[in-house]
N, C-alpha and C. Protein backbone atom coordinates (compact mmCIF):
# COMPACT_ATOMS: atom_id res chain seq x y z
N MET A 1 -8.04 40.24 -36.70
CA MET A 1 -7.86 40.56 -35.29
C MET A 1 -7.18 41.91 -35.11
N LYS A 2 -6.12 42.17 -35.90
CA LYS A 2 -5.39 43.44 -35.79
C LYS A 2 -6.31 44.62 -36.13
N ARG A 3 -7.20 44.42 -37.13
CA ARG A 3 -8.11 45.50 -37.51
C ARG A 3 -9.09 45.80 -36.38
N THR A 4 -9.59 44.76 -35.72
CA THR A 4 -10.53 44.96 -34.61
C THR A 4 -9.85 45.69 -33.46
N VAL A 5 -8.60 45.35 -33.17
CA VAL A 5 -7.84 46.04 -32.12
C VAL A 5 -7.69 47.51 -32.47
N LEU A 6 -7.45 47.82 -33.75
CA LEU A 6 -7.30 49.21 -34.19
C LEU A 6 -8.60 49.99 -33.96
N VAL A 7 -9.75 49.37 -34.25
CA VAL A 7 -11.04 50.01 -34.01
C VAL A 7 -11.19 50.36 -32.54
N VAL A 8 -10.94 49.39 -31.67
CA VAL A 8 -11.10 49.60 -30.22
C VAL A 8 -10.14 50.67 -29.72
N ALA A 9 -8.90 50.67 -30.23
CA ALA A 9 -7.90 51.65 -29.80
C ALA A 9 -8.32 53.07 -30.17
N MET A 10 -8.82 53.27 -31.38
CA MET A 10 -9.23 54.60 -31.81
C MET A 10 -10.43 55.10 -31.00
N LEU A 11 -11.38 54.23 -30.74
CA LEU A 11 -12.54 54.63 -29.94
C LEU A 11 -12.13 54.92 -28.50
N GLY A 12 -11.18 54.14 -27.97
CA GLY A 12 -10.67 54.39 -26.63
C GLY A 12 -9.98 55.73 -26.52
N LEU A 13 -9.19 56.09 -27.55
CA LEU A 13 -8.52 57.39 -27.56
C LEU A 13 -9.54 58.52 -27.56
N MET A 14 -10.58 58.37 -28.36
CA MET A 14 -11.62 59.40 -28.40
C MET A 14 -12.31 59.55 -27.05
N LEU A 15 -12.54 58.43 -26.35
CA LEU A 15 -13.20 58.49 -25.05
C LEU A 15 -12.34 59.19 -24.02
N VAL A 16 -11.03 58.88 -24.02
CA VAL A 16 -10.13 59.50 -23.05
C VAL A 16 -10.03 61.01 -23.29
N VAL A 17 -9.81 61.39 -24.55
CA VAL A 17 -9.71 62.81 -24.88
C VAL A 17 -11.03 63.52 -24.64
N GLY A 18 -12.12 62.80 -24.88
CA GLY A 18 -13.44 63.40 -24.72
C GLY A 18 -13.78 63.79 -23.31
N MET A 19 -13.07 63.27 -22.32
CA MET A 19 -13.30 63.66 -20.93
C MET A 19 -12.99 65.14 -20.72
N GLN A 20 -12.21 65.72 -21.64
CA GLN A 20 -11.88 67.14 -21.56
C GLN A 20 -12.78 67.98 -22.46
N ALA A 21 -13.81 67.39 -23.01
CA ALA A 21 -14.65 68.08 -23.99
C ALA A 21 -15.35 69.29 -23.39
N GLN A 22 -15.42 70.36 -24.17
CA GLN A 22 -16.15 71.55 -23.78
C GLN A 22 -17.63 71.44 -24.12
N LYS A 23 -17.93 70.69 -25.17
CA LYS A 23 -19.31 70.61 -25.63
C LYS A 23 -19.51 69.32 -26.41
N MET A 24 -20.65 68.64 -26.16
CA MET A 24 -20.94 67.40 -26.85
C MET A 24 -22.34 67.46 -27.46
N ALA A 25 -22.53 66.72 -28.56
CA ALA A 25 -23.82 66.69 -29.23
C ALA A 25 -24.00 65.33 -29.90
N ILE A 26 -25.26 64.95 -30.10
CA ILE A 26 -25.56 63.68 -30.74
C ILE A 26 -26.85 63.80 -31.54
N GLY A 27 -26.95 63.03 -32.64
CA GLY A 27 -28.17 63.09 -33.42
C GLY A 27 -28.10 62.23 -34.67
N PRO A 28 -29.18 62.18 -35.44
CA PRO A 28 -29.25 61.34 -36.64
C PRO A 28 -28.62 62.02 -37.86
N SER A 29 -28.05 61.19 -38.74
CA SER A 29 -27.46 61.67 -40.00
C SER A 29 -27.98 60.86 -41.17
N LEU A 30 -28.18 61.54 -42.30
CA LEU A 30 -28.53 60.90 -43.56
C LEU A 30 -27.49 61.30 -44.59
N LEU A 31 -27.00 60.33 -45.37
CA LEU A 31 -25.96 60.60 -46.36
C LEU A 31 -26.28 59.85 -47.65
N TRP A 32 -26.44 60.59 -48.75
CA TRP A 32 -26.70 59.99 -50.07
C TRP A 32 -25.37 59.87 -50.80
N LYS A 33 -25.05 58.65 -51.28
CA LYS A 33 -23.72 58.39 -51.82
C LYS A 33 -23.75 57.78 -53.21
N GLY A 34 -22.66 58.00 -53.93
CA GLY A 34 -22.36 57.28 -55.16
C GLY A 34 -21.01 56.63 -55.00
N GLY A 35 -20.64 55.78 -55.97
CA GLY A 35 -19.35 55.13 -55.84
C GLY A 35 -18.85 54.55 -57.15
N VAL A 36 -17.58 54.17 -57.14
CA VAL A 36 -16.93 53.57 -58.31
C VAL A 36 -15.90 52.57 -57.80
N ASN A 37 -15.61 51.55 -58.57
CA ASN A 37 -14.61 50.54 -58.20
C ASN A 37 -13.22 51.07 -58.55
N VAL A 38 -12.36 51.23 -57.54
CA VAL A 38 -11.00 51.73 -57.76
C VAL A 38 -9.96 50.62 -57.62
N GLY A 39 -10.42 49.37 -57.53
CA GLY A 39 -9.49 48.25 -57.52
C GLY A 39 -8.99 47.94 -58.91
N ASN A 40 -8.14 46.91 -59.03
CA ASN A 40 -7.67 46.48 -60.35
C ASN A 40 -8.84 45.92 -61.15
N ILE A 41 -8.97 46.36 -62.39
CA ILE A 41 -10.08 45.94 -63.24
C ILE A 41 -9.58 44.88 -64.22
N PRO A 42 -10.27 43.73 -64.33
CA PRO A 42 -9.83 42.69 -65.28
C PRO A 42 -9.85 43.20 -66.72
N THR A 43 -8.97 42.66 -67.54
CA THR A 43 -8.93 43.00 -68.97
C THR A 43 -10.29 42.71 -69.62
N GLY A 44 -10.78 43.67 -70.38
CA GLY A 44 -12.06 43.50 -71.05
C GLY A 44 -13.24 44.02 -70.27
N ALA A 45 -12.99 44.49 -69.03
CA ALA A 45 -14.07 45.03 -68.20
C ALA A 45 -13.81 46.50 -67.90
N LYS A 46 -14.84 47.18 -67.48
CA LYS A 46 -14.75 48.60 -67.16
C LYS A 46 -15.69 48.93 -66.01
N THR A 47 -15.26 49.81 -65.13
CA THR A 47 -16.13 50.23 -64.03
C THR A 47 -16.84 51.54 -64.38
N ALA A 48 -17.90 51.83 -63.69
CA ALA A 48 -18.64 53.07 -63.88
C ALA A 48 -19.26 53.48 -62.56
N VAL A 49 -19.62 54.74 -62.46
CA VAL A 49 -20.21 55.28 -61.24
C VAL A 49 -21.66 54.80 -61.11
N ASN A 50 -22.04 54.50 -59.88
CA ASN A 50 -23.45 54.21 -59.58
C ASN A 50 -23.86 55.02 -58.36
N PHE A 51 -25.11 55.48 -58.36
CA PHE A 51 -25.65 56.26 -57.24
C PHE A 51 -26.72 55.44 -56.53
N ASN A 52 -26.70 55.49 -55.21
CA ASN A 52 -27.67 54.75 -54.41
C ASN A 52 -28.75 55.72 -53.91
N PRO A 53 -30.02 55.51 -54.27
CA PRO A 53 -31.07 56.44 -53.83
C PRO A 53 -31.41 56.30 -52.35
N ILE A 54 -31.02 55.18 -51.74
CA ILE A 54 -31.30 54.96 -50.31
C ILE A 54 -30.14 55.52 -49.50
N PRO A 55 -30.39 56.43 -48.57
CA PRO A 55 -29.27 57.06 -47.84
C PRO A 55 -28.68 56.15 -46.77
N ASP A 56 -27.41 56.38 -46.47
CA ASP A 56 -26.82 55.82 -45.26
C ASP A 56 -27.49 56.46 -44.06
N ILE A 57 -27.66 55.68 -43.00
CA ILE A 57 -28.30 56.18 -41.78
C ILE A 57 -27.35 55.93 -40.61
N ALA A 58 -27.07 56.97 -39.83
CA ALA A 58 -26.12 56.83 -38.74
C ALA A 58 -26.53 57.69 -37.55
N ALA A 59 -26.05 57.28 -36.40
CA ALA A 59 -26.08 58.14 -35.21
C ALA A 59 -24.71 58.82 -35.14
N THR A 60 -24.70 60.13 -35.11
CA THR A 60 -23.46 60.90 -35.10
C THR A 60 -23.24 61.53 -33.74
N PHE A 61 -22.04 61.35 -33.22
CA PHE A 61 -21.65 61.94 -31.93
C PHE A 61 -20.49 62.90 -32.19
N ARG A 62 -20.59 64.10 -31.62
CA ARG A 62 -19.53 65.09 -31.79
C ARG A 62 -19.13 65.66 -30.43
N MET A 63 -17.83 65.74 -30.19
CA MET A 63 -17.35 66.39 -28.97
C MET A 63 -16.27 67.40 -29.34
N LEU A 64 -16.45 68.61 -28.83
CA LEU A 64 -15.56 69.72 -29.13
C LEU A 64 -14.66 69.99 -27.93
N LEU A 65 -13.39 70.30 -28.19
CA LEU A 65 -12.38 70.34 -27.14
C LEU A 65 -11.96 71.74 -26.75
N ASN A 66 -12.43 72.77 -27.47
CA ASN A 66 -12.05 74.13 -27.11
C ASN A 66 -13.28 75.03 -27.08
N THR A 67 -13.14 76.17 -26.44
CA THR A 67 -14.28 77.09 -26.29
C THR A 67 -14.70 77.70 -27.61
N GLU A 68 -13.81 77.74 -28.60
CA GLU A 68 -14.16 78.26 -29.92
C GLU A 68 -14.94 77.24 -30.75
N GLU A 69 -15.07 76.01 -30.24
CA GLU A 69 -15.81 74.94 -30.90
C GLU A 69 -15.26 74.61 -32.28
N SER A 70 -13.93 74.68 -32.41
CA SER A 70 -13.31 74.45 -33.73
C SER A 70 -12.51 73.16 -33.80
N VAL A 71 -12.22 72.53 -32.66
CA VAL A 71 -11.39 71.33 -32.63
C VAL A 71 -12.10 70.25 -31.82
N GLY A 72 -12.11 69.04 -32.34
CA GLY A 72 -12.73 67.96 -31.60
C GLY A 72 -12.72 66.65 -32.37
N PHE A 73 -13.68 65.80 -32.03
CA PHE A 73 -13.82 64.50 -32.66
C PHE A 73 -15.28 64.27 -33.02
N THR A 74 -15.49 63.42 -34.03
CA THR A 74 -16.83 62.94 -34.34
C THR A 74 -16.77 61.42 -34.49
N ALA A 75 -17.92 60.79 -34.33
CA ALA A 75 -18.02 59.35 -34.56
C ALA A 75 -19.40 59.03 -35.12
N ASP A 76 -19.42 58.24 -36.18
CA ASP A 76 -20.67 57.76 -36.78
C ASP A 76 -20.81 56.27 -36.53
N LEU A 77 -21.99 55.86 -36.12
CA LEU A 77 -22.30 54.44 -35.99
C LEU A 77 -23.60 54.19 -36.74
N GLY A 78 -23.56 53.30 -37.75
CA GLY A 78 -24.80 53.08 -38.48
C GLY A 78 -24.65 52.23 -39.72
N TYR A 79 -25.64 52.34 -40.56
CA TYR A 79 -25.78 51.54 -41.78
C TYR A 79 -25.17 52.29 -42.95
N ALA A 80 -24.16 51.68 -43.59
CA ALA A 80 -23.47 52.32 -44.71
C ALA A 80 -23.50 51.40 -45.94
N GLN A 81 -23.65 52.02 -47.12
CA GLN A 81 -23.74 51.27 -48.37
C GLN A 81 -22.68 51.76 -49.36
N TYR A 82 -22.20 50.83 -50.18
CA TYR A 82 -21.22 51.15 -51.21
C TYR A 82 -21.68 50.51 -52.51
N THR A 83 -21.61 51.26 -53.59
CA THR A 83 -22.13 50.77 -54.86
C THR A 83 -21.25 51.21 -56.02
N TYR A 84 -21.26 50.43 -57.09
CA TYR A 84 -20.53 50.75 -58.31
C TYR A 84 -21.07 49.86 -59.43
N ARG A 85 -20.68 50.16 -60.66
CA ARG A 85 -21.09 49.36 -61.81
C ARG A 85 -19.88 48.72 -62.47
N MET A 86 -20.12 47.54 -63.08
CA MET A 86 -19.11 46.88 -63.91
C MET A 86 -19.79 46.47 -65.22
N ARG A 87 -19.06 46.67 -66.33
CA ARG A 87 -19.62 46.35 -67.64
C ARG A 87 -18.49 45.99 -68.59
N PRO A 88 -18.82 45.44 -69.78
CA PRO A 88 -17.77 45.18 -70.78
C PRO A 88 -17.08 46.49 -71.18
N GLU A 89 -15.79 46.41 -71.47
CA GLU A 89 -15.05 47.61 -71.86
C GLU A 89 -15.50 48.14 -73.22
N SER A 90 -15.89 47.26 -74.11
CA SER A 90 -16.30 47.66 -75.45
C SER A 90 -17.66 48.36 -75.42
N GLU A 91 -17.69 49.58 -75.92
CA GLU A 91 -18.95 50.33 -75.99
C GLU A 91 -19.93 49.65 -76.94
N ALA A 92 -19.42 48.90 -77.91
CA ALA A 92 -20.28 48.27 -78.91
C ALA A 92 -21.13 47.15 -78.33
N ILE A 93 -20.64 46.49 -77.29
CA ILE A 93 -21.39 45.35 -76.74
C ILE A 93 -21.99 45.62 -75.37
N ALA A 94 -21.59 46.72 -74.70
CA ALA A 94 -22.12 47.02 -73.37
C ALA A 94 -23.59 47.42 -73.47
N ASN A 95 -24.42 46.85 -72.61
CA ASN A 95 -25.84 47.19 -72.56
C ASN A 95 -26.38 46.93 -71.16
N ASP A 96 -27.68 47.15 -70.97
CA ASP A 96 -28.27 46.99 -69.65
C ASP A 96 -28.29 45.54 -69.17
N ASN A 97 -28.17 44.60 -70.09
CA ASN A 97 -28.18 43.19 -69.70
C ASN A 97 -26.83 42.70 -69.20
N ASN A 98 -25.73 43.31 -69.67
CA ASN A 98 -24.41 42.87 -69.21
C ASN A 98 -23.69 43.94 -68.38
N THR A 99 -24.42 44.97 -67.97
CA THR A 99 -23.89 45.95 -67.02
C THR A 99 -24.49 45.64 -65.65
N PHE A 100 -23.62 45.37 -64.66
CA PHE A 100 -24.08 44.92 -63.35
C PHE A 100 -23.85 45.98 -62.28
N ILE A 101 -24.85 46.12 -61.40
CA ILE A 101 -24.77 47.03 -60.27
C ILE A 101 -24.42 46.23 -59.02
N TYR A 102 -23.34 46.60 -58.37
CA TYR A 102 -22.88 45.95 -57.14
C TYR A 102 -23.28 46.84 -55.96
N LYS A 103 -23.88 46.23 -54.95
CA LYS A 103 -24.27 46.96 -53.75
C LYS A 103 -23.80 46.18 -52.52
N HIS A 104 -23.03 46.85 -51.66
CA HIS A 104 -22.51 46.25 -50.43
C HIS A 104 -23.00 47.09 -49.24
N SER A 105 -23.42 46.43 -48.19
CA SER A 105 -23.85 47.16 -47.00
C SER A 105 -23.09 46.65 -45.77
N PHE A 106 -22.77 47.59 -44.89
CA PHE A 106 -22.00 47.30 -43.68
C PHE A 106 -22.59 48.05 -42.49
N PHE A 107 -22.33 47.52 -41.30
CA PHE A 107 -22.49 48.32 -40.08
C PHE A 107 -21.14 49.00 -39.86
N ASN A 108 -21.14 50.32 -39.87
CA ASN A 108 -19.89 51.07 -39.83
C ASN A 108 -19.69 51.79 -38.50
N ILE A 109 -18.43 51.79 -38.07
CA ILE A 109 -17.97 52.63 -36.96
C ILE A 109 -16.93 53.56 -37.56
N ALA A 110 -17.19 54.87 -37.51
CA ALA A 110 -16.35 55.82 -38.25
C ALA A 110 -15.92 56.99 -37.36
N PRO A 111 -14.78 56.88 -36.66
CA PRO A 111 -14.25 58.02 -35.89
C PRO A 111 -13.47 58.98 -36.79
N SER A 112 -13.56 60.27 -36.49
CA SER A 112 -12.86 61.29 -37.28
C SER A 112 -12.38 62.43 -36.40
N PHE A 113 -11.31 63.08 -36.82
CA PHE A 113 -10.90 64.36 -36.24
C PHE A 113 -11.76 65.46 -36.86
N PHE A 114 -12.09 66.46 -36.06
CA PHE A 114 -12.93 67.57 -36.49
C PHE A 114 -12.14 68.86 -36.32
N LEU A 115 -11.93 69.58 -37.43
CA LEU A 115 -11.15 70.83 -37.42
C LEU A 115 -11.93 71.91 -38.16
N SER A 116 -12.64 72.75 -37.42
CA SER A 116 -13.41 73.86 -38.00
C SER A 116 -14.34 73.39 -39.11
N GLY A 117 -15.00 72.29 -38.88
CA GLY A 117 -15.93 71.75 -39.86
C GLY A 117 -15.35 70.71 -40.79
N PHE A 118 -14.02 70.68 -40.95
CA PHE A 118 -13.36 69.67 -41.79
C PHE A 118 -13.17 68.39 -40.99
N GLN A 119 -13.41 67.23 -41.63
CA GLN A 119 -13.26 65.94 -40.97
C GLN A 119 -12.28 65.06 -41.73
N ILE A 120 -11.44 64.35 -40.97
CA ILE A 120 -10.57 63.34 -41.56
C ILE A 120 -10.49 62.18 -40.58
N GLY A 121 -10.68 60.97 -41.10
CA GLY A 121 -10.68 59.82 -40.21
C GLY A 121 -10.76 58.53 -40.99
N ALA A 122 -11.37 57.53 -40.37
CA ALA A 122 -11.46 56.20 -40.97
C ALA A 122 -12.81 55.58 -40.63
N SER A 123 -13.19 54.62 -41.45
CA SER A 123 -14.42 53.87 -41.22
C SER A 123 -14.08 52.38 -41.19
N PHE A 124 -14.67 51.69 -40.22
CA PHE A 124 -14.47 50.26 -40.07
C PHE A 124 -15.82 49.58 -40.26
N GLY A 125 -15.94 48.80 -41.35
CA GLY A 125 -17.23 48.23 -41.72
C GLY A 125 -17.32 46.74 -41.44
N PHE A 126 -18.45 46.33 -40.84
CA PHE A 126 -18.72 44.94 -40.53
C PHE A 126 -19.87 44.46 -41.41
N PRO A 127 -19.67 43.40 -42.20
CA PRO A 127 -20.60 43.04 -43.29
C PRO A 127 -22.03 42.75 -42.84
N LEU A 128 -22.97 43.23 -43.65
CA LEU A 128 -24.38 42.92 -43.47
C LEU A 128 -24.92 42.12 -44.66
N ALA A 129 -24.76 42.64 -45.89
CA ALA A 129 -25.28 41.95 -47.07
C ALA A 129 -24.67 42.57 -48.32
N TYR A 130 -24.81 41.86 -49.46
CA TYR A 130 -24.48 42.47 -50.75
C TYR A 130 -25.26 41.78 -51.86
N SER A 131 -25.37 42.51 -52.98
CA SER A 131 -26.12 41.98 -54.12
C SER A 131 -25.47 42.43 -55.41
N ILE A 132 -25.71 41.63 -56.47
CA ILE A 132 -25.20 41.95 -57.82
C ILE A 132 -26.36 41.72 -58.78
N MET A 133 -26.81 42.80 -59.43
CA MET A 133 -27.96 42.71 -60.34
C MET A 133 -27.67 43.52 -61.59
N ASN A 134 -28.05 42.99 -62.75
CA ASN A 134 -27.85 43.78 -63.96
C ASN A 134 -28.83 44.94 -64.03
N VAL A 135 -28.50 45.94 -64.83
CA VAL A 135 -29.28 47.17 -64.89
C VAL A 135 -30.71 46.91 -65.33
N SER A 136 -30.90 45.96 -66.21
CA SER A 136 -32.25 45.65 -66.69
C SER A 136 -33.10 44.93 -65.65
N GLY A 137 -32.46 44.46 -64.57
CA GLY A 137 -33.21 43.80 -63.50
C GLY A 137 -33.62 42.38 -63.82
N THR A 138 -32.99 41.74 -64.80
CA THR A 138 -33.39 40.39 -65.22
C THR A 138 -32.48 39.29 -64.67
N THR A 139 -31.26 39.67 -64.23
CA THR A 139 -30.30 38.66 -63.81
C THR A 139 -29.64 39.07 -62.50
N GLU A 140 -29.70 38.18 -61.52
CA GLU A 140 -29.00 38.39 -60.26
C GLU A 140 -27.86 37.38 -60.18
N ALA A 141 -26.65 37.87 -59.92
CA ALA A 141 -25.48 37.00 -59.92
C ALA A 141 -25.48 36.06 -58.71
N ASP A 142 -24.92 34.88 -58.92
CA ASP A 142 -24.77 33.91 -57.84
C ASP A 142 -23.64 34.37 -56.92
N ILE A 143 -23.92 34.50 -55.63
CA ILE A 143 -22.97 35.04 -54.68
C ILE A 143 -22.43 33.92 -53.80
N THR A 144 -21.11 33.77 -53.77
CA THR A 144 -20.50 32.74 -52.92
C THR A 144 -19.47 33.34 -51.95
N ALA A 145 -18.71 34.32 -52.38
CA ALA A 145 -17.65 34.89 -51.54
C ALA A 145 -18.25 35.75 -50.43
N LYS A 146 -17.52 35.84 -49.32
CA LYS A 146 -17.93 36.67 -48.19
C LYS A 146 -17.26 38.04 -48.28
N GLN A 147 -17.88 39.02 -47.63
CA GLN A 147 -17.30 40.36 -47.59
C GLN A 147 -16.20 40.43 -46.52
N THR A 148 -15.27 41.35 -46.73
CA THR A 148 -14.17 41.56 -45.79
C THR A 148 -14.68 42.11 -44.46
N SER A 149 -14.13 41.60 -43.35
CA SER A 149 -14.52 42.08 -42.04
C SER A 149 -13.30 42.21 -41.13
N PRO A 150 -13.07 43.41 -40.54
CA PRO A 150 -13.74 44.66 -40.92
C PRO A 150 -13.12 45.25 -42.17
N ASN A 151 -13.93 45.94 -42.94
CA ASN A 151 -13.46 46.67 -44.11
C ASN A 151 -12.99 48.05 -43.66
N ILE A 152 -11.85 48.50 -44.17
CA ILE A 152 -11.26 49.77 -43.72
C ILE A 152 -11.29 50.80 -44.84
N GLU A 153 -11.80 51.97 -44.50
CA GLU A 153 -11.93 53.07 -45.46
C GLU A 153 -11.37 54.35 -44.85
N VAL A 154 -10.58 55.09 -45.62
CA VAL A 154 -10.14 56.43 -45.22
C VAL A 154 -11.21 57.42 -45.64
N ARG A 155 -11.55 58.35 -44.75
CA ARG A 155 -12.61 59.31 -45.04
C ARG A 155 -12.12 60.75 -44.87
N ILE A 156 -12.60 61.62 -45.76
CA ILE A 156 -12.48 63.06 -45.57
C ILE A 156 -13.86 63.66 -45.84
N GLY A 157 -14.11 64.81 -45.27
CA GLY A 157 -15.42 65.40 -45.49
C GLY A 157 -15.58 66.69 -44.72
N GLY A 158 -16.81 67.10 -44.61
CA GLY A 158 -17.12 68.33 -43.91
C GLY A 158 -18.46 68.24 -43.22
N MET A 159 -18.58 68.94 -42.10
CA MET A 159 -19.82 69.08 -41.37
C MET A 159 -20.03 70.58 -41.15
N ILE A 160 -20.85 71.17 -42.02
CA ILE A 160 -20.97 72.63 -42.09
C ILE A 160 -22.30 73.08 -41.50
N PRO A 161 -22.28 73.87 -40.41
CA PRO A 161 -23.55 74.29 -39.79
C PRO A 161 -24.33 75.24 -40.70
N VAL A 162 -25.63 74.99 -40.83
CA VAL A 162 -26.50 75.89 -41.60
C VAL A 162 -27.55 76.54 -40.71
N PHE A 163 -27.73 75.99 -39.50
CA PHE A 163 -28.69 76.58 -38.55
C PHE A 163 -28.30 76.13 -37.15
N ARG A 164 -28.30 77.07 -36.20
CA ARG A 164 -27.98 76.75 -34.81
C ARG A 164 -28.94 77.45 -33.87
N ASN A 165 -29.25 76.78 -32.76
CA ASN A 165 -29.91 77.42 -31.63
C ASN A 165 -29.44 76.73 -30.36
N LYS A 166 -30.08 77.03 -29.23
CA LYS A 166 -29.62 76.46 -27.97
C LYS A 166 -29.82 74.95 -27.90
N THR A 167 -30.77 74.45 -28.66
CA THR A 167 -31.07 73.01 -28.64
C THR A 167 -30.05 72.20 -29.42
N GLY A 168 -29.63 72.73 -30.58
CA GLY A 168 -28.70 71.97 -31.41
C GLY A 168 -28.41 72.67 -32.72
N SER A 169 -28.01 71.90 -33.72
CA SER A 169 -27.64 72.49 -35.01
C SER A 169 -27.98 71.54 -36.16
N VAL A 170 -28.40 72.15 -37.27
CA VAL A 170 -28.55 71.44 -38.54
C VAL A 170 -27.26 71.63 -39.32
N ASN A 171 -26.70 70.53 -39.84
CA ASN A 171 -25.42 70.58 -40.53
C ASN A 171 -25.50 69.94 -41.91
N PHE A 172 -24.85 70.58 -42.87
CA PHE A 172 -24.72 70.03 -44.23
C PHE A 172 -23.47 69.16 -44.27
N LEU A 173 -23.57 67.96 -44.83
CA LEU A 173 -22.48 67.00 -44.84
C LEU A 173 -21.91 66.81 -46.24
N VAL A 174 -20.59 66.73 -46.32
CA VAL A 174 -19.89 66.39 -47.55
C VAL A 174 -19.00 65.19 -47.23
N HIS A 175 -19.03 64.17 -48.10
CA HIS A 175 -18.31 62.92 -47.81
C HIS A 175 -17.43 62.50 -48.98
N GLY A 176 -16.25 62.01 -48.66
CA GLY A 176 -15.40 61.34 -49.62
C GLY A 176 -14.70 60.18 -48.92
N GLY A 177 -14.68 59.01 -49.56
CA GLY A 177 -14.06 57.85 -48.94
C GLY A 177 -13.28 57.01 -49.94
N TYR A 178 -12.24 56.34 -49.45
CA TYR A 178 -11.41 55.48 -50.30
C TYR A 178 -11.04 54.24 -49.49
N MET A 179 -11.40 53.07 -49.99
CA MET A 179 -11.15 51.83 -49.26
C MET A 179 -9.70 51.40 -49.35
N LEU A 180 -9.15 51.00 -48.21
CA LEU A 180 -7.79 50.45 -48.17
C LEU A 180 -7.80 48.94 -48.31
N THR A 181 -8.93 48.32 -48.01
CA THR A 181 -9.06 46.87 -48.14
C THR A 181 -10.08 46.55 -49.22
N GLY A 182 -9.93 45.39 -49.84
CA GLY A 182 -10.91 44.95 -50.81
C GLY A 182 -12.24 44.64 -50.15
N LEU A 183 -13.30 44.70 -50.93
CA LEU A 183 -14.63 44.45 -50.40
C LEU A 183 -14.88 42.97 -50.09
N MET A 184 -14.19 42.08 -50.82
CA MET A 184 -14.47 40.66 -50.69
C MET A 184 -13.30 39.91 -50.05
N ASP A 185 -13.64 38.87 -49.29
CA ASP A 185 -12.63 37.99 -48.70
C ASP A 185 -12.35 36.87 -49.69
N LEU A 186 -11.34 37.08 -50.55
CA LEU A 186 -11.06 36.15 -51.64
C LEU A 186 -9.86 35.26 -51.38
N GLY A 187 -9.33 35.32 -50.17
CA GLY A 187 -8.18 34.48 -49.84
C GLY A 187 -6.94 34.92 -50.59
N THR A 188 -6.33 34.00 -51.34
CA THR A 188 -5.08 34.30 -52.04
C THR A 188 -5.32 34.93 -53.42
N THR A 189 -6.54 34.90 -53.92
CA THR A 189 -6.83 35.45 -55.25
C THR A 189 -7.37 36.87 -55.12
N ASP A 190 -6.48 37.77 -54.72
CA ASP A 190 -6.90 39.12 -54.34
C ASP A 190 -6.64 40.17 -55.42
N GLU A 191 -6.11 39.77 -56.57
CA GLU A 191 -5.66 40.74 -57.57
C GLU A 191 -6.78 41.65 -58.05
N PHE A 192 -7.97 41.10 -58.27
CA PHE A 192 -9.07 41.89 -58.81
C PHE A 192 -10.17 42.14 -57.76
N ASN A 193 -9.75 42.13 -56.50
CA ASN A 193 -10.70 42.41 -55.42
C ASN A 193 -11.20 43.85 -55.54
N PRO A 194 -12.50 44.07 -55.64
CA PRO A 194 -13.00 45.44 -55.80
C PRO A 194 -12.80 46.28 -54.55
N LYS A 195 -12.52 47.55 -54.76
CA LYS A 195 -12.45 48.55 -53.70
C LYS A 195 -13.31 49.73 -54.13
N ALA A 196 -14.03 50.30 -53.21
CA ALA A 196 -14.93 51.40 -53.57
C ALA A 196 -14.36 52.74 -53.15
N ALA A 197 -14.41 53.69 -54.07
CA ALA A 197 -14.27 55.10 -53.72
C ALA A 197 -15.68 55.66 -53.69
N SER A 198 -16.03 56.35 -52.62
CA SER A 198 -17.40 56.85 -52.47
C SER A 198 -17.40 58.36 -52.27
N PHE A 199 -18.51 58.98 -52.60
CA PHE A 199 -18.67 60.42 -52.47
C PHE A 199 -20.15 60.70 -52.25
N GLY A 200 -20.44 61.76 -51.52
CA GLY A 200 -21.85 62.02 -51.27
C GLY A 200 -22.08 63.31 -50.49
N ILE A 201 -23.35 63.61 -50.31
CA ILE A 201 -23.78 64.76 -49.52
C ILE A 201 -24.90 64.30 -48.60
N GLY A 202 -25.11 65.06 -47.53
CA GLY A 202 -26.16 64.68 -46.60
C GLY A 202 -26.46 65.78 -45.60
N VAL A 203 -27.15 65.40 -44.55
CA VAL A 203 -27.58 66.36 -43.54
C VAL A 203 -27.69 65.63 -42.20
N ASN A 204 -27.45 66.35 -41.12
CA ASN A 204 -27.74 65.79 -39.80
C ASN A 204 -28.28 66.87 -38.88
N TYR A 205 -28.84 66.42 -37.77
CA TYR A 205 -29.25 67.34 -36.71
C TYR A 205 -28.63 66.83 -35.43
N LEU A 206 -27.81 67.66 -34.80
CA LEU A 206 -27.13 67.27 -33.56
C LEU A 206 -27.73 68.03 -32.38
N PHE A 207 -28.24 67.27 -31.40
CA PHE A 207 -28.78 67.83 -30.18
C PHE A 207 -27.65 68.09 -29.19
N ASN A 208 -27.60 69.30 -28.64
CA ASN A 208 -26.58 69.61 -27.65
C ASN A 208 -26.83 68.83 -26.37
N LEU A 209 -25.74 68.31 -25.78
CA LEU A 209 -25.82 67.61 -24.51
C LEU A 209 -25.26 68.51 -23.43
N GLY A 210 -26.07 68.89 -22.48
CA GLY A 210 -25.63 69.80 -21.43
C GLY A 210 -25.60 71.23 -21.90
N ASP A 211 -24.84 72.06 -21.19
CA ASP A 211 -24.77 73.49 -21.52
C ASP A 211 -23.92 73.73 -22.74
């Protein structure tokens, strides 16, 4: 409940401040990400980076608060994925059959401060689905636990314009994220709850709204 109130409060603050906006824009974003488990790792196990070929898809809203267009807010609403690998710690026994790829997907609401292209903010994720499959594709793990709702992630990144005209702008995206909450709702057994650190690049096109 407290997490949901925090989401509403941040979006409300953006709406109030946005009434003073000098310029607003909206458009689609694509973000290709990789990730790693930064939670506590059980003895005998090891995490590894995994890359997701399917991009995150979001609607991005940006409002700028000064005439220099250097200060403002952004918000992403859309489909976000987090992935990582887990395998035996011993290199001698690790293989494609016992190395598992974890994939989690959420509907994310991600407000951020915007400072001359640099972004810092948070993402609040509401569970959609997850899967656990070994690299060889022969074994899918039995899933019983539910994902955390909402999941909270700290984000930093950049939105760098590469082309502009009167209609809008094409922007290059850089993303980095670190989860503050575990991915799974494990109740009291939270010691080895996985958390994802994510990183990625992407692109968006923002259509100018008004003059």
